[in-house]
Amino acid sequence: MFTAQGSGLFPAPKKITFKCSCPDWAVMCKHVAAVLYGIGARLDEDSTLFFTLRAVDIHDLISKAIQSKTQTMLSKSGAKSRRILEDADIAGMFGVEVEAMLQDAADVTDNKPKSKGKRLEKRRR
């Protein structure tokens, strides 16, 4: 959105020109450098000035970005994520027995006393 060539918010390098009426022959004389420094200092104080200089309403920009992201997320909502691990993957990755962990969780929620002896022996092997 910001850097897209031709439609982004940053001007193309060819569109940026420096002109000064001083007799200094350098492309960037001390006057141009001072102006760029001043612009940088102002942008440091208030970064929204960048949008003002580019005639962009920041609220419209944020709304469009949110709408675009929402549409992207909704279009992908039916697809299964690659980041979800199957139970077998978890067991192999972390070296745990998923069934034993689920049984422990069920025992806790049912307020049943835990019988850890057999499970601990299995886990130690």
N, C-alpha and C. Protein backbone atom coordinates (compact mmCIF):
# COMPACT_ATOMS: atom_id res chain seq x y z
N MET A 1 0.83 -1.18 0.00
CA MET A 1 0.00 0.00 0.00
C MET A 1 0.88 1.26 0.00
N PHE A 2 1.93 1.23 0.79
CA PHE A 2 2.77 2.42 0.88
C PHE A 2 3.82 2.49 -0.22
N THR A 3 4.35 1.34 -0.59
CA THR A 3 5.49 1.35 -1.50
C THR A 3 5.18 0.81 -2.89
N ALA A 4 3.93 0.52 -3.19
CA ALA A 4 3.58 -0.02 -4.52
C ALA A 4 4.02 0.96 -5.60
N GLN A 5 4.76 0.46 -6.55
CA GLN A 5 5.31 1.32 -7.60
C GLN A 5 4.17 1.91 -8.43
N GLY A 6 4.16 3.21 -8.54
CA GLY A 6 3.16 3.91 -9.34
C GLY A 6 1.92 4.32 -8.56
N SER A 7 1.52 3.53 -7.56
CA SER A 7 0.31 3.87 -6.81
C SER A 7 0.55 4.00 -5.31
N GLY A 8 1.78 3.81 -4.87
CA GLY A 8 2.09 3.91 -3.45
C GLY A 8 2.14 5.35 -2.98
N LEU A 9 2.30 5.51 -1.70
CA LEU A 9 2.34 6.86 -1.13
C LEU A 9 3.69 7.54 -1.27
N PHE A 10 4.74 6.76 -1.46
CA PHE A 10 6.06 7.36 -1.61
C PHE A 10 6.26 7.78 -3.07
N PRO A 11 6.78 8.97 -3.30
CA PRO A 11 7.01 9.40 -4.68
C PRO A 11 8.16 8.60 -5.31
N ALA A 12 8.08 8.43 -6.60
CA ALA A 12 9.16 7.75 -7.33
C ALA A 12 10.41 8.63 -7.26
N PRO A 13 11.60 8.04 -7.21
CA PRO A 13 12.82 8.84 -7.13
C PRO A 13 12.93 9.89 -8.24
N LYS A 14 12.43 9.59 -9.43
CA LYS A 14 12.51 10.55 -10.53
C LYS A 14 11.62 11.78 -10.30
N LYS A 15 10.62 11.64 -9.45
CA LYS A 15 9.73 12.77 -9.17
C LYS A 15 10.29 13.72 -8.12
N ILE A 16 11.35 13.32 -7.46
CA ILE A 16 11.95 14.15 -6.42
C ILE A 16 13.07 14.97 -7.04
N THR A 17 12.94 16.28 -6.99
CA THR A 17 13.97 17.17 -7.53
C THR A 17 14.34 18.20 -6.47
N PHE A 18 15.56 18.66 -6.56
CA PHE A 18 16.06 19.68 -5.63
C PHE A 18 16.49 20.89 -6.45
N LYS A 19 16.02 22.06 -6.06
CA LYS A 19 16.43 23.29 -6.74
C LYS A 19 16.70 24.36 -5.70
N CYS A 20 17.74 25.08 -5.93
CA CYS A 20 18.09 26.19 -5.06
C CYS A 20 18.71 27.28 -5.92
N SER A 21 18.47 28.52 -5.58
CA SER A 21 18.99 29.64 -6.38
C SER A 21 20.38 30.09 -5.92
N CYS A 22 20.95 29.39 -4.95
CA CYS A 22 22.28 29.79 -4.47
C CYS A 22 23.34 29.46 -5.52
N PRO A 23 24.51 30.09 -5.44
CA PRO A 23 25.55 29.84 -6.44
C PRO A 23 26.32 28.53 -6.24
N ASP A 24 25.99 27.75 -5.23
CA ASP A 24 26.69 26.48 -4.98
C ASP A 24 26.38 25.52 -6.13
N TRP A 25 27.40 24.85 -6.65
CA TRP A 25 27.23 23.98 -7.80
C TRP A 25 26.82 22.55 -7.41
N ALA A 26 26.82 22.21 -6.13
CA ALA A 26 26.48 20.85 -5.69
C ALA A 26 24.99 20.58 -5.93
N VAL A 27 24.68 19.32 -6.21
CA VAL A 27 23.28 18.92 -6.43
C VAL A 27 22.47 19.18 -5.16
N MET A 28 23.09 18.88 -4.03
CA MET A 28 22.41 19.11 -2.77
C MET A 28 23.24 20.12 -1.97
N CYS A 29 22.90 21.37 -2.14
CA CYS A 29 23.62 22.41 -1.43
C CYS A 29 23.19 22.43 0.04
N LYS A 30 23.83 23.28 0.82
CA LYS A 30 23.52 23.33 2.25
C LYS A 30 22.09 23.78 2.50
N HIS A 31 21.51 24.55 1.59
CA HIS A 31 20.14 25.01 1.77
C HIS A 31 19.13 23.86 1.58
N VAL A 32 19.36 23.06 0.53
CA VAL A 32 18.52 21.89 0.29
C VAL A 32 18.66 20.90 1.44
N ALA A 33 19.88 20.69 1.89
CA ALA A 33 20.12 19.77 3.01
C ALA A 33 19.39 20.26 4.27
N ALA A 34 19.41 21.57 4.50
CA ALA A 34 18.73 22.13 5.67
C ALA A 34 17.22 21.93 5.57
N VAL A 35 16.66 22.10 4.38
CA VAL A 35 15.22 21.89 4.19
C VAL A 35 14.86 20.42 4.44
N LEU A 36 15.66 19.50 3.90
CA LEU A 36 15.39 18.07 4.11
C LEU A 36 15.52 17.71 5.59
N TYR A 37 16.49 18.30 6.25
CA TYR A 37 16.64 18.06 7.69
C TYR A 37 15.41 18.57 8.44
N GLY A 38 14.94 19.76 8.06
CA GLY A 38 13.75 20.33 8.70
C GLY A 38 12.51 19.48 8.48
N ILE A 39 12.35 18.97 7.27
CA ILE A 39 11.21 18.09 6.97
C ILE A 39 11.32 16.81 7.80
N GLY A 40 12.51 16.26 7.88
CA GLY A 40 12.72 15.06 8.69
C GLY A 40 12.39 15.30 10.15
N ALA A 41 12.82 16.45 10.68
CA ALA A 41 12.53 16.78 12.08
C ALA A 41 11.03 16.92 12.30
N ARG A 42 10.33 17.56 11.36
CA ARG A 42 8.87 17.71 11.49
C ARG A 42 8.16 16.36 11.42
N LEU A 43 8.62 15.48 10.54
CA LEU A 43 8.03 14.15 10.44
C LEU A 43 8.30 13.33 11.70
N ASP A 44 9.45 13.54 12.32
CA ASP A 44 9.74 12.86 13.59
C ASP A 44 8.76 13.30 14.68
N GLU A 45 8.42 14.58 14.68
CA GLU A 45 7.48 15.11 15.68
C GLU A 45 6.06 14.64 15.42
N ASP A 46 5.66 14.62 14.16
CA ASP A 46 4.28 14.24 13.81
C ASP A 46 4.30 13.44 12.52
N SER A 47 4.30 12.12 12.64
CA SER A 47 4.41 11.26 11.45
C SER A 47 3.18 11.34 10.56
N THR A 48 2.05 11.79 11.08
CA THR A 48 0.85 11.92 10.24
C THR A 48 1.00 13.05 9.22
N LEU A 49 1.99 13.91 9.41
CA LEU A 49 2.25 14.97 8.45
C LEU A 49 2.56 14.39 7.07
N PHE A 50 3.17 13.21 7.04
CA PHE A 50 3.45 12.54 5.77
C PHE A 50 2.16 12.37 4.96
N PHE A 51 1.10 11.93 5.62
CA PHE A 51 -0.17 11.72 4.93
C PHE A 51 -0.77 13.05 4.49
N THR A 52 -0.61 14.07 5.28
CA THR A 52 -1.10 15.40 4.92
C THR A 52 -0.38 15.89 3.67
N LEU A 53 0.94 15.73 3.63
CA LEU A 53 1.71 16.16 2.47
C LEU A 53 1.33 15.40 1.19
N ARG A 54 0.90 14.15 1.35
CA ARG A 54 0.50 13.34 0.20
C ARG A 54 -1.00 13.43 -0.08
N ALA A 55 -1.71 14.31 0.64
CA ALA A 55 -3.16 14.52 0.48
C ALA A 55 -3.95 13.22 0.66
N VAL A 56 -3.62 12.48 1.72
CA VAL A 56 -4.27 11.21 2.02
C VAL A 56 -4.96 11.34 3.38
N ASP A 57 -6.24 11.00 3.42
CA ASP A 57 -6.96 10.98 4.70
C ASP A 57 -6.60 9.69 5.42
N ILE A 58 -5.93 9.82 6.55
CA ILE A 58 -5.44 8.65 7.28
C ILE A 58 -6.57 7.74 7.74
N HIS A 59 -7.71 8.32 8.07
CA HIS A 59 -8.85 7.52 8.52
C HIS A 59 -9.40 6.66 7.37
N ASP A 60 -9.46 7.22 6.16
CA ASP A 60 -9.88 6.43 5.00
C ASP A 60 -8.87 5.32 4.71
N LEU A 61 -7.60 5.64 4.84
CA LEU A 61 -6.55 4.66 4.61
C LEU A 61 -6.66 3.49 5.58
N ILE A 62 -6.87 3.79 6.85
CA ILE A 62 -7.01 2.74 7.86
C ILE A 62 -8.26 1.92 7.60
N SER A 63 -9.37 2.57 7.27
CA SER A 63 -10.62 1.85 6.98
C SER A 63 -10.45 0.90 5.80
N LYS A 64 -9.81 1.37 4.75
CA LYS A 64 -9.60 0.52 3.57
C LYS A 64 -8.68 -0.65 3.90
N ALA A 65 -7.65 -0.41 4.71
CA ALA A 65 -6.74 -1.48 5.09
C ALA A 65 -7.46 -2.54 5.92
N ILE A 66 -8.32 -2.09 6.84
CA ILE A 66 -9.07 -3.03 7.68
C ILE A 66 -10.05 -3.83 6.83
N GLN A 67 -10.75 -3.15 5.91
CA GLN A 67 -11.69 -3.85 5.03
C GLN A 67 -10.98 -4.89 4.17
N SER A 68 -9.84 -4.51 3.64
CA SER A 68 -9.07 -5.44 2.80
C SER A 68 -8.61 -6.65 3.60
N LYS A 69 -8.09 -6.42 4.79
CA LYS A 69 -7.61 -7.51 5.63
C LYS A 69 -8.78 -8.40 6.05
N THR A 70 -9.92 -7.80 6.37
CA THR A 70 -11.09 -8.58 6.76
C THR A 70 -11.55 -9.47 5.62
N GLN A 71 -11.60 -8.92 4.40
CA GLN A 71 -12.01 -9.71 3.24
C GLN A 71 -11.04 -10.86 3.00
N THR A 72 -9.75 -10.59 3.15
CA THR A 72 -8.75 -11.65 2.97
C THR A 72 -8.94 -12.75 3.99
N MET A 73 -9.14 -12.36 5.25
CA MET A 73 -9.31 -13.34 6.32
C MET A 73 -10.59 -14.16 6.11
N LEU A 74 -11.68 -13.50 5.71
CA LEU A 74 -12.94 -14.21 5.48
C LEU A 74 -12.84 -15.17 4.31
N SER A 75 -12.10 -14.78 3.28
CA SER A 75 -11.96 -15.67 2.12
C SER A 75 -11.16 -16.92 2.47
N LYS A 76 -10.30 -16.82 3.47
CA LYS A 76 -9.48 -17.96 3.88
C LYS A 76 -10.07 -18.72 5.07
N SER A 77 -11.21 -18.27 5.57
CA SER A 77 -11.75 -18.87 6.80
C SER A 77 -12.17 -20.32 6.64
N GLY A 78 -12.51 -20.74 5.44
CA GLY A 78 -12.93 -22.12 5.24
C GLY A 78 -11.77 -23.09 5.07
N ALA A 79 -10.60 -22.57 4.78
CA ALA A 79 -9.44 -23.43 4.55
C ALA A 79 -8.79 -23.82 5.88
N LYS A 80 -8.30 -25.04 5.92
CA LYS A 80 -7.61 -25.52 7.12
C LYS A 80 -6.23 -24.89 7.20
N SER A 81 -5.89 -24.40 8.35
CA SER A 81 -4.60 -23.75 8.55
C SER A 81 -3.47 -24.77 8.57
N ARG A 82 -2.34 -24.39 8.02
CA ARG A 82 -1.15 -25.24 8.06
C ARG A 82 -0.51 -25.20 9.44
N ARG A 83 -0.92 -24.26 10.27
CA ARG A 83 -0.31 -24.10 11.59
C ARG A 83 -0.93 -24.99 12.65
N ILE A 84 -1.97 -25.72 12.32
CA ILE A 84 -2.63 -26.60 13.28
C ILE A 84 -1.93 -27.95 13.26
N LEU A 85 -1.51 -28.40 14.42
CA LEU A 85 -0.83 -29.69 14.53
C LEU A 85 -1.84 -30.77 14.88
N GLU A 86 -1.70 -31.91 14.26
CA GLU A 86 -2.52 -33.06 14.60
C GLU A 86 -2.00 -33.64 15.92
N ASP A 87 -2.86 -34.42 16.61
CA ASP A 87 -2.46 -35.02 17.88
C ASP A 87 -1.20 -35.86 17.73
N ALA A 88 -1.10 -36.61 16.65
CA ALA A 88 0.08 -37.46 16.44
C ALA A 88 1.33 -36.61 16.30
N ASP A 89 1.20 -35.46 15.64
CA ASP A 89 2.35 -34.57 15.47
C ASP A 89 2.81 -34.02 16.81
N ILE A 90 1.87 -33.66 17.67
CA ILE A 90 2.21 -33.11 18.99
C ILE A 90 2.93 -34.17 19.81
N ALA A 91 2.40 -35.38 19.79
CA ALA A 91 3.01 -36.46 20.57
C ALA A 91 4.45 -36.69 20.12
N GLY A 92 4.67 -36.73 18.84
CA GLY A 92 6.01 -36.97 18.33
C GLY A 92 6.94 -35.79 18.56
N MET A 93 6.43 -34.58 18.41
CA MET A 93 7.26 -33.39 18.55
C MET A 93 7.74 -33.18 19.98
N PHE A 94 6.83 -33.38 20.94
CA PHE A 94 7.16 -33.09 22.33
C PHE A 94 7.41 -34.33 23.17
N GLY A 95 7.23 -35.51 22.58
CA GLY A 95 7.49 -36.74 23.31
C GLY A 95 6.50 -36.97 24.45
N VAL A 96 5.22 -36.66 24.23
CA VAL A 96 4.20 -36.86 25.26
C VAL A 96 3.11 -37.77 24.73
N GLU A 97 2.40 -38.39 25.64
CA GLU A 97 1.26 -39.22 25.26
C GLU A 97 0.01 -38.36 25.40
N VAL A 98 -0.60 -38.04 24.26
CA VAL A 98 -1.75 -37.15 24.25
C VAL A 98 -2.92 -37.78 25.01
N GLU A 99 -3.12 -39.08 24.84
CA GLU A 99 -4.25 -39.73 25.51
C GLU A 99 -4.11 -39.60 27.03
N ALA A 100 -2.91 -39.80 27.55
CA ALA A 100 -2.69 -39.68 28.99
C ALA A 100 -2.95 -38.26 29.47
N MET A 101 -2.54 -37.27 28.67
CA MET A 101 -2.78 -35.88 29.05
C MET A 101 -4.28 -35.58 29.05
N LEU A 102 -5.00 -36.09 28.04
CA LEU A 102 -6.44 -35.86 27.98
C LEU A 102 -7.15 -36.54 29.15
N GLN A 103 -6.70 -37.73 29.52
CA GLN A 103 -7.30 -38.43 30.65
C GLN A 103 -7.03 -37.66 31.95
N ASP A 104 -5.82 -37.13 32.12
CA ASP A 104 -5.49 -36.32 33.29
C ASP A 104 -6.40 -35.10 33.36
N ALA A 105 -6.63 -34.46 32.22
CA ALA A 105 -7.51 -33.29 32.18
C ALA A 105 -8.93 -33.67 32.53
N ALA A 106 -9.39 -34.81 32.03
CA ALA A 106 -10.75 -35.28 32.35
C ALA A 106 -10.87 -35.59 33.83
N ASP A 107 -9.83 -36.18 34.42
CA ASP A 107 -9.85 -36.49 35.85
C ASP A 107 -9.96 -35.22 36.68
N VAL A 108 -9.26 -34.18 36.26
CA VAL A 108 -9.28 -32.91 37.00
C VAL A 108 -10.67 -32.28 36.92
N THR A 109 -11.26 -32.28 35.72
CA THR A 109 -12.57 -31.65 35.57
C THR A 109 -13.68 -32.46 36.24
N ASP A 110 -13.49 -33.78 36.35
CA ASP A 110 -14.48 -34.63 37.01
C ASP A 110 -14.23 -34.73 38.51
N ASN A 111 -13.18 -34.06 38.99
CA ASN A 111 -12.78 -34.11 40.40
C ASN A 111 -12.50 -35.53 40.88
N LYS A 112 -11.99 -36.35 39.99
CA LYS A 112 -11.64 -37.71 40.37
C LYS A 112 -10.22 -37.72 40.90
N PRO A 113 -9.93 -38.58 41.85
CA PRO A 113 -8.54 -38.67 42.31
C PRO A 113 -7.69 -39.26 41.19
N LYS A 114 -6.49 -38.75 41.06
CA LYS A 114 -5.60 -39.19 40.00
C LYS A 114 -4.84 -40.43 40.44
N SER A 115 -4.68 -41.35 39.52
CA SER A 115 -3.84 -42.52 39.77
C SER A 115 -2.66 -42.40 38.81
N LYS A 116 -1.64 -41.69 39.23
CA LYS A 116 -0.51 -41.36 38.36
C LYS A 116 0.51 -42.48 38.25
N GLY A 117 0.47 -43.44 39.14
CA GLY A 117 1.50 -44.45 39.18
C GLY A 117 1.77 -45.11 37.85
N LYS A 118 0.75 -45.65 37.21
CA LYS A 118 0.93 -46.37 35.95
C LYS A 118 1.32 -45.43 34.82
N ARG A 119 0.71 -44.25 34.79
CA ARG A 119 1.01 -43.31 33.72
C ARG A 119 2.45 -42.81 33.82
N LEU A 120 2.90 -42.55 35.04
CA LEU A 120 4.28 -42.07 35.20
C LEU A 120 5.28 -43.13 34.76
N GLU A 121 4.96 -44.38 35.04
CA GLU A 121 5.86 -45.44 34.60
C GLU A 121 5.93 -45.49 33.08
N LYS A 122 4.79 -45.35 32.41
CA LYS A 122 4.76 -45.34 30.95
C LYS A 122 5.57 -44.16 30.40
N ARG A 123 5.43 -42.98 31.02
CA ARG A 123 6.11 -41.80 30.53
C ARG A 123 7.62 -41.91 30.72
N ARG A 124 8.04 -42.56 31.76
CA ARG A 124 9.48 -42.68 32.04
C ARG A 124 10.16 -43.62 31.06
N ARG A 125 9.43 -44.55 30.51
CA ARG A 125 10.02 -45.52 29.57
C ARG A 125 10.31 -44.83 28.32
